[in-house]
Protein backbone atom coordinates (compact mmCIF):
# COMPACT_ATOMS: atom_id res chain seq x y z
CA MET A 1 -5.64 -16.38 56.31
CA ASN A 2 -2.61 -16.62 54.03
CA ILE A 3 -2.78 -19.71 51.84
CA PHE A 4 -0.11 -20.90 49.45
CA GLY A 5 -0.07 -24.19 47.58
CA ILE A 6 2.48 -26.68 46.39
CA THR A 7 1.21 -28.66 43.42
CA GLY A 8 2.62 -31.02 40.83
CA TRP A 9 2.43 -34.50 39.44
CA LYS A 10 3.24 -37.65 41.41
CA ASN A 11 6.93 -37.84 42.40
CA SER A 12 7.53 -34.21 41.45
CA GLY A 13 8.89 -33.26 44.89
CA LYS A 14 5.78 -31.76 46.51
CA THR A 15 6.16 -33.33 49.95
CA THR A 16 9.91 -32.75 50.20
CA LEU A 17 9.51 -29.10 49.19
CA THR A 18 6.56 -28.63 51.58
CA GLU A 19 8.61 -30.05 54.46
CA LYS A 20 11.52 -27.72 53.69
CA LEU A 21 9.22 -24.69 53.30
CA VAL A 22 7.59 -25.38 56.67
CA ALA A 23 11.00 -25.62 58.37
CA GLU A 24 12.22 -22.35 56.80
CA LEU A 25 9.00 -20.45 57.53
CA VAL A 26 9.07 -21.63 61.15
CA ARG A 27 12.77 -20.71 61.38
CA ARG A 28 11.75 -17.20 60.29
CA GLY A 29 9.23 -17.03 63.12
CA TRP A 30 5.96 -17.80 61.31
CA LYS A 31 3.25 -20.05 62.70
CA VAL A 32 2.56 -22.56 59.91
CA SER A 33 -0.17 -25.12 59.31
CA THR A 34 -0.45 -27.54 56.41
CA VAL A 35 -3.20 -29.33 54.54
CA LYS A 36 -2.23 -32.40 52.51
CA HIS A 37 -4.59 -33.80 49.89
CA ALA A 38 -4.28 -37.59 49.85
CA HIS A 39 -5.70 -40.39 47.81
CA HIS A 40 -9.10 -41.63 48.94
CA ASP A 41 -7.83 -44.84 50.57
CA PHE A 42 -5.32 -43.36 53.05
CA ASP A 43 -5.57 -44.13 56.76
CA ILE A 44 -3.65 -42.62 59.66
CA ASP A 45 -4.97 -45.13 62.15
CA LYS A 46 -3.70 -48.64 62.86
CA PRO A 47 -5.86 -51.76 62.96
CA GLY A 48 -6.34 -52.86 66.55
CA ALA A 49 -5.88 -49.38 68.05
CA ASP A 50 -8.74 -48.18 70.24
CA SER A 51 -9.51 -45.31 67.87
CA PHE A 52 -9.52 -47.69 64.91
CA ARG A 53 -11.95 -49.93 66.75
CA HIS A 54 -14.22 -46.92 67.47
CA ARG A 55 -14.31 -46.06 63.75
CA GLN A 56 -14.86 -49.69 62.76
CA ALA A 57 -17.81 -49.77 65.15
CA GLY A 58 -19.37 -46.88 63.22
CA ALA A 59 -18.29 -43.62 64.88
CA THR A 60 -18.33 -40.72 62.41
CA GLU A 61 -15.74 -38.70 64.33
CA VAL A 62 -13.05 -39.96 66.68
CA ALA A 63 -10.83 -37.58 68.64
CA ILE A 64 -7.58 -38.86 70.10
CA VAL A 65 -6.17 -36.62 72.81
CA SER A 66 -2.98 -36.75 74.87
CA GLY A 67 -0.76 -34.32 76.72
CA ASN A 68 1.37 -33.89 73.57
CA ARG A 69 -1.13 -33.72 70.69
CA TRP A 70 -4.65 -34.35 69.58
CA ALA A 71 -6.15 -35.54 66.31
CA LEU A 72 -9.65 -35.65 64.93
CA MET A 73 -10.58 -38.25 62.34
CA HIS A 74 -13.81 -37.89 60.43
CA GLU A 75 -15.25 -40.77 58.45
CA LEU A 76 -17.17 -39.58 55.40
CA ARG A 77 -19.38 -42.67 55.33
CA GLY A 78 -20.68 -41.92 51.85
CA GLU A 79 -20.57 -38.11 52.11
CA ASP A 80 -18.67 -36.14 49.45
CA GLU A 81 -15.10 -35.10 50.17
CA PRO A 82 -15.28 -31.72 51.89
CA PRO A 83 -14.07 -28.71 49.91
CA LEU A 84 -10.74 -27.18 50.84
CA GLU A 85 -12.49 -24.12 52.31
CA SER A 86 -14.29 -26.36 54.80
CA ILE A 87 -11.02 -27.91 55.95
CA LEU A 88 -9.33 -24.50 56.20
CA SER A 89 -12.17 -23.23 58.39
CA ARG A 90 -11.39 -25.95 60.95
CA LEU A 91 -7.75 -24.93 61.40
CA ALA A 92 -6.57 -22.86 64.35
CA PRO A 93 -5.31 -19.35 63.54
CA CYS A 94 -1.83 -19.23 62.02
CA ASP A 95 0.29 -16.99 59.82
CA ILE A 96 0.19 -19.19 56.74
CA VAL A 97 -1.29 -22.48 55.56
CA LEU A 98 0.70 -24.47 53.02
CA VAL A 99 -1.60 -26.65 50.94
CA GLU A 100 -0.01 -29.68 49.29
CA GLY A 101 -1.92 -31.05 46.33
CA TYR A 102 -5.37 -29.71 45.46
CA LYS A 103 -4.37 -29.11 41.84
CA ARG A 104 -7.78 -27.77 40.85
CA GLU A 105 -8.30 -25.25 43.66
CA SER A 106 -8.01 -21.51 43.09
CA HIS A 107 -5.37 -20.48 45.64
CA ARG A 108 -1.88 -19.35 44.56
CA LYS A 109 0.49 -22.25 44.01
CA ILE A 110 4.02 -23.15 43.05
CA GLU A 111 4.35 -26.06 40.65
CA THR A 112 7.02 -28.66 41.40
CA ARG A 113 8.75 -30.43 38.54
CA ARG A 114 11.30 -33.23 38.64
CA LEU A 115 12.93 -35.15 35.83
CA GLU A 116 11.93 -38.43 37.46
CA ALA A 117 8.22 -37.52 37.86
CA LYS A 118 5.72 -39.91 36.27
CA ASP A 119 4.18 -37.06 34.29
CA ARG A 120 6.06 -33.92 33.31
CA THR A 121 3.29 -32.11 31.46
CA PRO A 122 3.39 -28.52 32.77
CA LEU A 123 0.35 -27.72 34.90
CA SER A 124 0.95 -23.97 34.74
CA ALA A 125 -0.25 -23.74 31.13
CA GLY A 126 -3.79 -24.54 32.26
CA ASP A 127 -3.85 -23.00 35.74
CA PRO A 128 -3.61 -19.22 36.17
CA ASN A 129 -3.24 -19.74 39.94
CA ILE A 130 0.22 -21.25 39.49
CA VAL A 131 2.46 -18.26 40.12
CA ALA A 132 5.91 -19.92 40.07
CA ILE A 133 7.77 -23.11 39.25
CA ALA A 134 10.32 -25.07 41.29
CA ALA A 135 12.25 -27.66 39.30
CA ASP A 136 15.36 -29.84 39.46
CA PHE A 137 16.21 -28.90 35.86
CA ALA A 138 16.43 -25.69 33.85
CA VAL A 139 12.96 -24.32 33.02
CA THR A 140 12.93 -22.85 29.52
CA ASP A 141 9.52 -21.19 29.79
CA LYS A 142 10.21 -17.77 31.28
CA SER A 143 6.55 -16.68 31.70
CA LEU A 144 6.69 -17.46 35.45
CA PRO A 145 9.41 -17.10 38.08
CA ALA A 146 11.38 -20.35 38.23
CA PHE A 147 13.41 -21.60 41.19
CA ASP A 148 15.73 -24.49 41.76
CA LEU A 149 13.76 -27.07 43.73
CA ASP A 150 16.40 -26.91 46.50
CA ASP A 151 16.55 -23.09 46.72
CA VAL A 152 14.19 -23.01 49.69
CA LYS A 153 15.23 -19.59 51.00
CA SER A 154 14.45 -17.89 47.67
CA ILE A 155 11.15 -19.74 47.41
CA VAL A 156 10.17 -18.64 50.94
CA ASP A 157 11.19 -15.06 50.09
CA PHE A 158 8.83 -15.31 47.09
CA ILE A 159 6.01 -16.78 49.21
CA GLU A 160 6.39 -14.01 51.78
CA ARG A 161 6.19 -11.35 49.05
CA THR A 162 3.32 -13.05 47.21
CA THR A 163 1.15 -13.62 50.27
CA GLY A 164 1.96 -10.31 51.95
CA LEU A 165 3.60 -11.93 54.99
CA VAL A 166 5.69 -9.27 56.68
CA ALA A 167 7.66 -9.53 59.88
């Protein structure tokens, strides 16, 4: 499984870049999945929905299925957050998985940087798995390939080369 990450501080452009990378990879014919690391208090369900009521009643897993999509929600109920590898093992086969977040994991990543980010301390200095930088300003450190945050085609070219994706 080809895995490539998008990492960076809050408001550094991770989600926007991930969205654009997915669209370009799909346009090029690749089957893409994503994993998004969220803060511990997120919820994709709405109070009052049947599935929400099932979880509130104590169900550990709730699957919602329709003719258009299905989703599986798993309540940890005191268990530790599962490691990324465990989540990846649950995904259906695809050409590439883009992983947003997961700063401390050991897969290859591109670091996003924006002038308006809350923290602009470079992550790449302490993470050998960061193999490139995408920024909305000129990057002076030339130790890694640097891309304009909006140069999606060049970033996807780099991801294809780095992961070994070939048409």
